[in-house]
Amino acid sequence: MLASRYTYPMISLLPTRAVALQIGSIQVHWYGIMYFLAFVLALVLLPYLQRYRKLTLDRDEWASIVSWGVVGVLVGGRLGFVLFYEPYYYAQHPFEILAVWKGGMSSHGGFVGVILSLFTAAQLKHINVRRLADVAVIPAAIGLAMGRIGNFINQELYGTPTNLPWGINIEGVMGVRHPLQIYDALLCLGIALACYLHLRITKTERAGTTFALFLILYGIMRFFLEFIREQQYPLLHFGAITLTVGQLLTLPLLMMGLLLLIWFYTMEKEEQIS
C-alpha cells in the first residue's frame, strides 16, 4: 500500500501551562487568548455603553475603533516594556523587540498606546474624545482583569511570601506566595463596576470624568499592590523615598487622573456661570 502523500501537523492540547494549544510549530498562549477575549468583549459592550454618552456609532465604526485600540495595546505595551524595563538589553538586541511571543509587555505602555490610538481614532472619525474615553475604560478595566488571569495561568507576576490560607505555590519558587494576579483581577473588575455606575449617573456635560476616575482608581490600586509584588527589577531610591519601577510609572497616571477630574469639573462650573 502506498504511503499517504499528505502529512498533518500534530495538534497538542495544553502542552504546557502557558500554552493552550499547539498546532505543529504554532503555539496559542493563554495570554493571547485572554487578549482576544477582551477585544471581543469590548466589541460587545461598547455599542451598549455608548448610550450613556450619547454616542451613535454603528458596529462597523466600533470595530474600527477597537482595531485602533488593539494596535495601541500591542505596540504601546511592547515598547513600554522595552523602554521602561529592559532598555539596555534591547539596545544590544534590537531585532528581539519584535519577538513578542517570547513575552514582555508593560501595562503602563499599553495605557499610553491605547490613549494615543483612541485620540487618533476620535480625531479621524470626528468623535468627542472625552465621551469615547468614558465608555472605553469599562471594557479596558475588564480586559486588564483578563490579562491578570492569563498571568495567573502562566504563574508569573506573583506576590511576596505569605502565610495566608489562600497563598499559592509557584513552580520553581520557594515559599507560598500571594496570588497577586487574582487580587489585581478582582480589583480591576471592581474598577470596571465603579466606572460603569459613574457613567450611568453622570451627565453628558461631565464627559471625561469617568475616564479620570478610572485613572485614579487604577493608579491607587497598582501603587499599593506593588508593596506585595515580587520585584524582578531593582528598587529606585529618591532620598528617603523608595519606589518600585511600577510605582514610579503609576504616579503619572494617578496625577493625570486627578488633574483631569479637577479640570473637567472646573470647566463645567465655568460653563454654568457663563
C-alpha atoms as a PDB file:
ATOM      1  CA  MET A   1       0.000   0.000   0.000  1.00  0.00           C
ATOM      2  CA  LEU A   2       1.291   3.407  -0.926  1.00  0.00           C
ATOM      3  CA  ALA A   3       2.046   5.774   1.918  1.00  0.00           C
ATOM      4  CA  SER A   4      -0.082   8.896   2.068  1.00  0.00           C
ATOM      5  CA  ARG A   5       1.347  11.907   0.315  1.00  0.00           C
ATOM      6  CA  TYR A   6      -0.044  14.197   2.924  1.00  0.00           C
ATOM      7  CA  THR A   7       1.134  14.787   6.460  1.00  0.00           C
ATOM      8  CA  TYR A   8      -0.856  16.646   9.058  1.00  0.00           C
ATOM      9  CA  PRO A   9       0.563  18.886  11.765  1.00  0.00           C
ATOM     10  CA  MET A  10       0.458  17.409  15.231  1.00  0.00           C
ATOM     11  CA  ILE A  11      -2.183  19.039  17.409  1.00  0.00           C
ATOM     12  CA  SER A  12      -1.484  19.156  21.125  1.00  0.00           C
ATOM     13  CA  LEU A  13      -3.943  20.465  23.716  1.00  0.00           C
ATOM     14  CA  LEU A  14      -2.416  22.061  26.830  1.00  0.00           C
ATOM     15  CA  PRO A  15       1.185  21.050  26.023  1.00  0.00           C
ATOM     16  CA  THR A  16       2.488  23.363  28.760  1.00  0.00           C
ATOM     17  CA  ARG A  17       0.944  25.524  31.446  1.00  0.00           C
ATOM     18  CA  ALA A  18       1.412  28.706  29.394  1.00  0.00           C
ATOM     19  CA  VAL A  19       0.348  27.235  26.046  1.00  0.00           C
ATOM     20  CA  ALA A  20      -3.301  26.309  25.489  1.00  0.00           C
ATOM     21  CA  LEU A  21      -2.921  24.773  22.039  1.00  0.00           C
ATOM     22  CA  GLN A  22      -0.080  23.816  19.735  1.00  0.00           C
ATOM     23  CA  ILE A  23      -0.549  23.024  16.046  1.00  0.00           C
ATOM     24  CA  GLY A  24       2.766  21.958  14.623  1.00  0.00           C
ATOM     25  CA  SER A  25       5.184  24.758  15.477  1.00  0.00           C
ATOM     26  CA  ILE A  26       2.396  27.286  16.098  1.00  0.00           C
ATOM     27  CA  GLN A  27       1.612  27.905  19.763  1.00  0.00           C
ATOM     28  CA  VAL A  28      -1.515  29.589  21.104  1.00  0.00           C
ATOM     29  CA  HIS A  29      -0.745  31.038  24.518  1.00  0.00           C
ATOM     30  CA  TRP A  30      -3.315  31.577  27.246  1.00  0.00           C
ATOM     31  CA  TYR A  31      -2.231  35.195  27.467  1.00  0.00           C
ATOM     32  CA  GLY A  32      -3.071  35.698  23.782  1.00  0.00           C
ATOM     33  CA  ILE A  33      -6.455  34.016  24.277  1.00  0.00           C
ATOM     34  CA  MET A  34      -7.228  36.420  27.118  1.00  0.00           C
ATOM     35  CA  TYR A  35      -6.303  39.397  24.935  1.00  0.00           C
ATOM     36  CA  PHE A  36      -8.543  38.085  22.159  1.00  0.00           C
ATOM     37  CA  LEU A  37     -11.498  37.571  24.522  1.00  0.00           C
ATOM     38  CA  ALA A  38     -11.009  41.067  25.939  1.00  0.00           C
ATOM     39  CA  PHE A  39     -11.228  42.627  22.479  1.00  0.00           C
ATOM     40  CA  VAL A  40     -14.325  40.581  21.613  1.00  0.00           C
ATOM     41  CA  LEU A  41     -15.913  41.684  24.883  1.00  0.00           C
ATOM     42  CA  ALA A  42     -15.147  45.304  24.018  1.00  0.00           C
ATOM     43  CA  LEU A  43     -16.973  44.891  20.703  1.00  0.00           C
ATOM     44  CA  VAL A  44     -19.998  43.556  22.576  1.00  0.00           C
ATOM     45  CA  LEU A  45     -20.063  46.156  25.366  1.00  0.00           C
ATOM     46  CA  LEU A  46     -19.219  49.403  23.587  1.00  0.00           C
ATOM     47  CA  PRO A  47     -22.393  49.655  21.440  1.00  0.00           C
ATOM     48  CA  TYR A  48     -24.417  49.220  24.643  1.00  0.00           C
ATOM     49  CA  LEU A  49     -22.388  51.641  26.787  1.00  0.00           C
ATOM     50  CA  GLN A  50     -22.353  54.464  24.224  1.00  0.00           C
ATOM     51  CA  ARG A  51     -25.919  55.480  25.098  1.00  0.00           C
ATOM     52  CA  TYR A  52     -24.683  56.957  28.378  1.00  0.00           C
ATOM     53  CA  ARG A  53     -22.557  59.466  26.493  1.00  0.00           C
ATOM     54  CA  LYS A  54     -24.981  59.998  23.601  1.00  0.00           C
ATOM     55  CA  LEU A  55     -22.742  58.384  21.002  1.00  0.00           C
ATOM     56  CA  THR A  56     -24.422  56.782  17.999  1.00  0.00           C
ATOM     57  CA  LEU A  57     -21.716  54.689  16.361  1.00  0.00           C
ATOM     58  CA  ASP A  58     -22.617  51.522  14.483  1.00  0.00           C
ATOM     59  CA  ARG A  59     -20.854  48.199  14.948  1.00  0.00           C
ATOM     60  CA  ASP A  60     -18.512  48.736  11.997  1.00  0.00           C
ATOM     61  CA  GLU A  61     -17.349  52.028  13.472  1.00  0.00           C
ATOM     62  CA  TRP A  62     -16.804  50.385  16.857  1.00  0.00           C
ATOM     63  CA  ALA A  63     -14.890  47.563  15.170  1.00  0.00           C
ATOM     64  CA  SER A  64     -12.597  50.162  13.611  1.00  0.00           C
ATOM     65  CA  ILE A  65     -12.059  51.896  16.952  1.00  0.00           C
ATOM     66  CA  VAL A  66     -11.373  48.596  18.731  1.00  0.00           C
ATOM     67  CA  SER A  67      -8.845  47.794  15.989  1.00  0.00           C
ATOM     68  CA  TRP A  68      -7.075  51.047  16.803  1.00  0.00           C
ATOM     69  CA  GLY A  69      -7.139  50.005  20.453  1.00  0.00           C
ATOM     70  CA  VAL A  70      -5.621  46.612  19.626  1.00  0.00           C
ATOM     71  CA  VAL A  71      -2.724  48.298  17.846  1.00  0.00           C
ATOM     72  CA  GLY A  72      -2.293  50.705  20.748  1.00  0.00           C
ATOM     73  CA  VAL A  73      -2.184  47.909  23.340  1.00  0.00           C
ATOM     74  CA  LEU A  74       0.244  45.729  21.417  1.00  0.00           C
ATOM     75  CA  VAL A  75       2.619  48.450  20.226  1.00  0.00           C
ATOM     76  CA  GLY A  76       2.432  50.528  23.402  1.00  0.00           C
ATOM     77  CA  GLY A  77       2.679  47.516  25.692  1.00  0.00           C
ATOM     78  CA  ARG A  78       5.711  46.136  23.895  1.00  0.00           C
ATOM     79  CA  LEU A  79       7.560  49.435  23.544  1.00  0.00           C
ATOM     80  CA  GLY A  80       6.725  50.265  27.158  1.00  0.00           C
ATOM     81  CA  PHE A  81       8.391  47.038  28.318  1.00  0.00           C
ATOM     82  CA  VAL A  82      11.402  47.700  26.110  1.00  0.00           C
ATOM     83  CA  LEU A  83      11.855  51.306  27.271  1.00  0.00           C
ATOM     84  CA  PHE A  84      10.771  51.051  30.915  1.00  0.00           C
ATOM     85  CA  TYR A  85      12.180  47.676  31.946  1.00  0.00           C
ATOM     86  CA  GLU A  86      14.864  46.351  29.576  1.00  0.00           C
ATOM     87  CA  PRO A  87      16.282  49.307  27.584  1.00  0.00           C
ATOM     88  CA  TYR A  88      19.931  48.173  27.766  1.00  0.00           C
ATOM     89  CA  TYR A  89      19.197  44.626  26.670  1.00  0.00           C
ATOM     90  CA  TYR A  90      17.100  45.657  23.677  1.00  0.00           C
ATOM     91  CA  ALA A  91      19.594  48.348  22.701  1.00  0.00           C
ATOM     92  CA  GLN A  92      22.048  45.489  22.202  1.00  0.00           C
ATOM     93  CA  HIS A  93      19.439  43.149  20.640  1.00  0.00           C
ATOM     94  CA  PRO A  94      17.106  45.476  18.679  1.00  0.00           C
ATOM     95  CA  PHE A  95      15.613  42.757  16.471  1.00  0.00           C
ATOM     96  CA  GLU A  96      14.244  40.993  19.544  1.00  0.00           C
ATOM     97  CA  ILE A  97      11.872  43.920  20.097  1.00  0.00           C
ATOM     98  CA  LEU A  98       9.649  42.220  17.512  1.00  0.00           C
ATOM     99  CA  ALA A  99       9.789  38.851  19.291  1.00  0.00           C
ATOM    100  CA  VAL A 100       6.598  39.420  21.272  1.00  0.00           C
ATOM    101  CA  TRP A 101       5.989  35.657  21.504  1.00  0.00           C
ATOM    102  CA  LYS A 102       8.862  35.497  23.999  1.00  0.00           C
ATOM    103  CA  GLY A 103       6.868  37.664  26.398  1.00  0.00           C
ATOM    104  CA  GLY A 104       7.419  41.149  27.736  1.00  0.00           C
ATOM    105  CA  MET A 105       4.515  43.599  27.839  1.00  0.00           C
ATOM    106  CA  SER A 106       4.014  46.666  30.015  1.00  0.00           C
ATOM    107  CA  SER A 107       0.560  47.679  31.232  1.00  0.00           C
ATOM    108  CA  HIS A 108       1.754  51.280  31.538  1.00  0.00           C
ATOM    109  CA  GLY A 109       2.986  51.277  27.955  1.00  0.00           C
ATOM    110  CA  GLY A 110      -0.320  49.741  26.938  1.00  0.00           C
ATOM    111  CA  PHE A 111      -2.121  52.632  28.645  1.00  0.00           C
ATOM    112  CA  VAL A 112      -0.139  55.189  26.694  1.00  0.00           C
ATOM    113  CA  GLY A 113      -0.657  53.274  23.455  1.00  0.00           C
ATOM    114  CA  VAL A 114      -4.429  52.995  23.935  1.00  0.00           C
ATOM    115  CA  ILE A 115      -4.812  56.665  24.887  1.00  0.00           C
ATOM    116  CA  LEU A 116      -2.898  57.779  21.797  1.00  0.00           C
ATOM    117  CA  SER A 117      -4.703  55.364  19.490  1.00  0.00           C
ATOM    118  CA  LEU A 118      -8.171  56.305  20.767  1.00  0.00           C
ATOM    119  CA  PHE A 119      -7.338  60.004  20.495  1.00  0.00           C
ATOM    120  CA  THR A 120      -6.213  59.453  16.903  1.00  0.00           C
ATOM    121  CA  ALA A 121      -9.338  57.428  16.060  1.00  0.00           C
ATOM    122  CA  ALA A 122     -11.583  60.080  17.624  1.00  0.00           C
ATOM    123  CA  GLN A 123      -9.941  62.830  15.591  1.00  0.00           C
ATOM    124  CA  LEU A 124     -10.205  60.904  12.327  1.00  0.00           C
ATOM    125  CA  LYS A 125     -13.847  59.991  12.916  1.00  0.00           C
ATOM    126  CA  HIS A 126     -14.827  63.357  14.437  1.00  0.00           C
ATOM    127  CA  ILE A 127     -15.935  61.827  17.744  1.00  0.00           C
ATOM    128  CA  ASN A 128     -15.846  63.623  21.085  1.00  0.00           C
ATOM    129  CA  VAL A 129     -12.739  62.087  22.617  1.00  0.00           C
ATOM    130  CA  ARG A 130     -13.913  62.642  26.211  1.00  0.00           C
ATOM    131  CA  ARG A 131     -17.138  60.733  25.590  1.00  0.00           C
ATOM    132  CA  LEU A 132     -15.269  57.986  23.797  1.00  0.00           C
ATOM    133  CA  ALA A 133     -12.757  57.649  26.649  1.00  0.00           C
ATOM    134  CA  ASP A 134     -15.548  57.400  29.222  1.00  0.00           C
ATOM    135  CA  VAL A 135     -17.135  54.349  27.612  1.00  0.00           C
ATOM    136  CA  ALA A 136     -13.815  52.742  26.647  1.00  0.00           C
ATOM    137  CA  VAL A 137     -12.467  52.465  30.197  1.00  0.00           C
ATOM    138  CA  ILE A 138     -15.049  49.866  31.247  1.00  0.00           C
ATOM    139  CA  PRO A 139     -14.037  47.152  28.742  1.00  0.00           C
ATOM    140  CA  ALA A 140     -10.436  48.284  29.296  1.00  0.00           C
ATOM    141  CA  ALA A 141     -10.686  47.522  33.018  1.00  0.00           C
ATOM    142  CA  ILE A 142     -12.261  44.133  32.290  1.00  0.00           C
ATOM    143  CA  GLY A 143      -9.513  43.472  29.757  1.00  0.00           C
ATOM    144  CA  LEU A 144      -6.879  44.225  32.391  1.00  0.00           C
ATOM    145  CA  ALA A 145      -8.567  41.703  34.691  1.00  0.00           C
ATOM    146  CA  MET A 146      -8.493  39.067  31.956  1.00  0.00           C
ATOM    147  CA  GLY A 147      -4.833  39.767  31.328  1.00  0.00           C
ATOM    148  CA  ARG A 148      -4.093  39.121  35.007  1.00  0.00           C
ATOM    149  CA  ILE A 149      -5.920  35.813  34.775  1.00  0.00           C
ATOM    150  CA  GLY A 150      -3.522  34.983  31.945  1.00  0.00           C
ATOM    151  CA  ASN A 151      -0.642  35.907  34.266  1.00  0.00           C
ATOM    152  CA  PHE A 152      -2.085  33.589  36.918  1.00  0.00           C
ATOM    153  CA  ILE A 153      -2.287  30.694  34.477  1.00  0.00           C
ATOM    154  CA  ASN A 154       1.308  31.363  33.402  1.00  0.00           C
ATOM    155  CA  GLN A 155       2.425  31.592  37.067  1.00  0.00           C
ATOM    156  CA  GLU A 156       4.032  34.992  36.549  1.00  0.00           C
ATOM    157  CA  LEU A 157       3.828  38.366  38.293  1.00  0.00           C
ATOM    158  CA  TYR A 158       3.118  36.643  41.595  1.00  0.00           C
ATOM    159  CA  GLY A 159       3.324  38.174  45.057  1.00  0.00           C
ATOM    160  CA  THR A 160       5.671  38.065  48.011  1.00  0.00           C
ATOM    161  CA  PRO A 161       5.688  35.198  50.558  1.00  0.00           C
ATOM    162  CA  THR A 162       2.584  34.901  52.737  1.00  0.00           C
ATOM    163  CA  ASN A 163       1.091  32.742  55.487  1.00  0.00           C
ATOM    164  CA  LEU A 164      -2.485  33.401  54.385  1.00  0.00           C
ATOM    165  CA  PRO A 165      -4.559  30.288  53.683  1.00  0.00           C
ATOM    166  CA  TRP A 166      -5.188  31.261  50.051  1.00  0.00           C
ATOM    167  CA  GLY A 167      -1.497  31.562  49.236  1.00  0.00           C
ATOM    168  CA  ILE A 168      -0.302  29.692  46.139  1.00  0.00           C
ATOM    169  CA  ASN A 169       2.721  27.609  45.250  1.00  0.00           C
ATOM    170  CA  ILE A 170       4.674  28.654  42.182  1.00  0.00           C
ATOM    171  CA  GLU A 171       6.720  26.029  40.376  1.00  0.00           C
ATOM    172  CA  GLY A 172      10.423  26.641  40.953  1.00  0.00           C
ATOM    173  CA  VAL A 173       9.826  29.407  43.501  1.00  0.00           C
ATOM    174  CA  MET A 174      10.406  28.962  47.217  1.00  0.00           C
ATOM    175  CA  GLY A 175       7.610  29.606  49.686  1.00  0.00           C
ATOM    176  CA  VAL A 176       3.858  30.177  49.464  1.00  0.00           C
ATOM    177  CA  ARG A 177       3.039  33.380  47.602  1.00  0.00           C
ATOM    178  CA  HIS A 178       0.296  35.988  47.453  1.00  0.00           C
ATOM    179  CA  PRO A 179      -1.939  35.304  44.407  1.00  0.00           C
ATOM    180  CA  LEU A 180      -1.299  38.872  43.296  1.00  0.00           C
ATOM    181  CA  GLN A 181      -2.728  38.245  39.839  1.00  0.00           C
ATOM    182  CA  ILE A 182      -6.100  37.313  41.373  1.00  0.00           C
ATOM    183  CA  TYR A 183      -6.068  40.362  43.672  1.00  0.00           C
ATOM    184  CA  ASP A 184      -5.361  42.531  40.631  1.00  0.00           C
ATOM    185  CA  ALA A 185      -8.059  40.862  38.511  1.00  0.00           C
ATOM    186  CA  LEU A 186     -10.754  41.242  41.189  1.00  0.00           C
ATOM    187  CA  LEU A 187      -9.855  44.869  41.844  1.00  0.00           C
ATOM    188  CA  CYS A 188      -9.910  45.630  38.107  1.00  0.00           C
ATOM    189  CA  LEU A 189     -13.413  44.165  37.920  1.00  0.00           C
ATOM    190  CA  GLY A 190     -14.357  46.380  40.877  1.00  0.00           C
ATOM    191  CA  ILE A 191     -12.969  49.395  38.996  1.00  0.00           C
ATOM    192  CA  ALA A 192     -14.996  48.407  35.923  1.00  0.00           C
ATOM    193  CA  LEU A 193     -18.157  48.306  38.068  1.00  0.00           C
ATOM    194  CA  ALA A 194     -17.387  51.655  39.722  1.00  0.00           C
ATOM    195  CA  CYS A 195     -16.782  53.282  36.325  1.00  0.00           C
ATOM    196  CA  TYR A 196     -19.985  51.793  34.933  1.00  0.00           C
ATOM    197  CA  LEU A 197     -22.039  53.179  37.823  1.00  0.00           C
ATOM    198  CA  HIS A 198     -20.320  56.568  37.454  1.00  0.00           C
ATOM    199  CA  LEU A 199     -21.001  56.540  33.709  1.00  0.00           C
ATOM    200  CA  ARG A 200     -24.697  55.932  34.315  1.00  0.00           C
ATOM    201  CA  ILE A 201     -25.237  58.616  36.978  1.00  0.00           C
ATOM    202  CA  THR A 202     -23.179  61.428  35.457  1.00  0.00           C
ATOM    203  CA  LYS A 203     -24.403  63.770  32.779  1.00  0.00           C
ATOM    204  CA  THR A 204     -23.008  64.116  29.288  1.00  0.00           C
ATOM    205  CA  GLU A 205     -21.694  67.554  30.281  1.00  0.00           C
ATOM    206  CA  ARG A 206     -19.343  65.748  32.659  1.00  0.00           C
ATOM    207  CA  ALA A 207     -17.778  63.735  29.863  1.00  0.00           C
ATOM    208  CA  GLY A 208     -14.224  62.744  30.665  1.00  0.00           C
ATOM    209  CA  THR A 209     -14.799  62.368  34.406  1.00  0.00           C
ATOM    210  CA  THR A 210     -15.334  58.598  34.166  1.00  0.00           C
ATOM    211  CA  PHE A 211     -12.002  58.306  32.364  1.00  0.00           C
ATOM    212  CA  ALA A 212     -10.368  60.410  35.067  1.00  0.00           C
ATOM    213  CA  LEU A 213     -11.952  58.250  37.774  1.00  0.00           C
ATOM    214  CA  PHE A 214     -10.553  55.133  36.092  1.00  0.00           C
ATOM    215  CA  LEU A 215      -7.027  56.560  36.096  1.00  0.00           C
ATOM    216  CA  ILE A 216      -7.321  57.485  39.776  1.00  0.00           C
ATOM    217  CA  LEU A 217      -8.687  54.134  40.906  1.00  0.00           C
ATOM    218  CA  TYR A 218      -6.247  52.111  38.834  1.00  0.00           C
ATOM    219  CA  GLY A 219      -3.339  54.286  39.963  1.00  0.00           C
ATOM    220  CA  ILE A 220      -4.191  53.803  43.650  1.00  0.00           C
ATOM    221  CA  MET A 221      -4.712  50.057  43.199  1.00  0.00           C
ATOM    222  CA  ARG A 222      -1.492  49.495  41.268  1.00  0.00           C
ATOM    223  CA  PHE A 223       0.590  51.639  43.633  1.00  0.00           C
ATOM    224  CA  PHE A 224      -0.417  49.683  46.736  1.00  0.00           C
ATOM    225  CA  LEU A 225      -0.324  46.238  45.115  1.00  0.00           C
ATOM    226  CA  GLU A 226       3.328  46.879  44.303  1.00  0.00           C
ATOM    227  CA  PHE A 227       4.116  46.533  48.020  1.00  0.00           C
ATOM    228  CA  ILE A 228       3.291  42.799  47.865  1.00  0.00           C
ATOM    229  CA  ARG A 229       4.560  42.111  44.364  1.00  0.00           C
ATOM    230  CA  GLU A 230       7.707  40.077  43.903  1.00  0.00           C
ATOM    231  CA  GLN A 231      10.078  42.553  42.286  1.00  0.00           C
ATOM    232  CA  GLN A 232      12.150  41.488  39.303  1.00  0.00           C
ATOM    233  CA  TYR A 233      13.884  44.836  38.962  1.00  0.00           C
ATOM    234  CA  PRO A 234      15.930  46.922  41.428  1.00  0.00           C
ATOM    235  CA  LEU A 235      14.143  49.391  43.686  1.00  0.00           C
ATOM    236  CA  LEU A 236      14.535  53.092  42.942  1.00  0.00           C
ATOM    237  CA  HIS A 237      15.764  55.379  45.727  1.00  0.00           C
ATOM    238  CA  PHE A 238      14.926  59.093  45.869  1.00  0.00           C
ATOM    239  CA  GLY A 239      16.438  60.269  49.140  1.00  0.00           C
ATOM    240  CA  ALA A 240      14.276  58.844  51.933  1.00  0.00           C
ATOM    241  CA  ILE A 241      11.683  57.583  49.426  1.00  0.00           C
ATOM    242  CA  THR A 242      11.961  54.137  47.833  1.00  0.00           C
ATOM    243  CA  LEU A 243       9.739  53.150  44.933  1.00  0.00           C
ATOM    244  CA  THR A 244       9.391  50.180  42.644  1.00  0.00           C
ATOM    245  CA  VAL A 245       9.548  50.715  38.890  1.00  0.00           C
ATOM    246  CA  GLY A 246       5.816  50.020  38.759  1.00  0.00           C
ATOM    247  CA  GLN A 247       5.062  52.632  41.404  1.00  0.00           C
ATOM    248  CA  LEU A 248       7.152  55.249  39.629  1.00  0.00           C
ATOM    249  CA  LEU A 249       5.328  54.580  36.350  1.00  0.00           C
ATOM    250  CA  THR A 250       1.947  54.614  38.116  1.00  0.00           C
ATOM    251  CA  LEU A 251       2.333  58.062  39.689  1.00  0.00           C
ATOM    252  CA  PRO A 252       1.911  59.951  36.362  1.00  0.00           C
ATOM    253  CA  LEU A 253      -1.338  58.042  35.684  1.00  0.00           C
ATOM    254  CA  LEU A 254      -2.657  58.930  39.126  1.00  0.00           C
ATOM    255  CA  MET A 255      -1.669  62.596  38.790  1.00  0.00           C
ATOM    256  CA  MET A 256      -3.169  62.758  35.296  1.00  0.00           C
ATOM    257  CA  GLY A 257      -6.463  61.393  36.607  1.00  0.00           C
ATOM    258  CA  LEU A 258      -6.596  63.900  39.478  1.00  0.00           C
ATOM    259  CA  LEU A 259      -5.750  66.857  37.232  1.00  0.00           C
ATOM    260  CA  LEU A 260      -8.273  65.829  34.581  1.00  0.00           C
ATOM    261  CA  LEU A 261     -11.014  65.383  37.183  1.00  0.00           C
ATOM    262  CA  ILE A 262     -10.367  68.854  38.602  1.00  0.00           C
ATOM    263  CA  TRP A 263     -10.159  70.366  35.120  1.00  0.00           C
ATOM    264  CA  PHE A 264     -13.405  68.815  33.848  1.00  0.00           C
ATOM    265  CA  TYR A 265     -15.406  69.834  36.909  1.00  0.00           C
ATOM    266  CA  THR A 266     -13.920  73.354  36.736  1.00  0.00           C
ATOM    267  CA  MET A 267     -14.923  73.598  33.085  1.00  0.00           C
ATOM    268  CA  GLU A 268     -18.450  72.546  33.959  1.00  0.00           C
ATOM    269  CA  LYS A 269     -18.768  75.199  36.680  1.00  0.00           C
ATOM    270  CA  GLU A 270     -17.438  77.895  34.351  1.00  0.00           C
ATOM    271  CA  GLU A 271     -19.946  76.868  31.670  1.00  0.00           C
ATOM    272  CA  GLN A 272     -22.798  77.033  34.195  1.00  0.00           C
ATOM    273  CA  ILE A 273     -21.750  80.532  35.309  1.00  0.00           C
ATOM    274  CA  SER A 274     -21.442  81.810  31.765  1.00  0.00           C
END
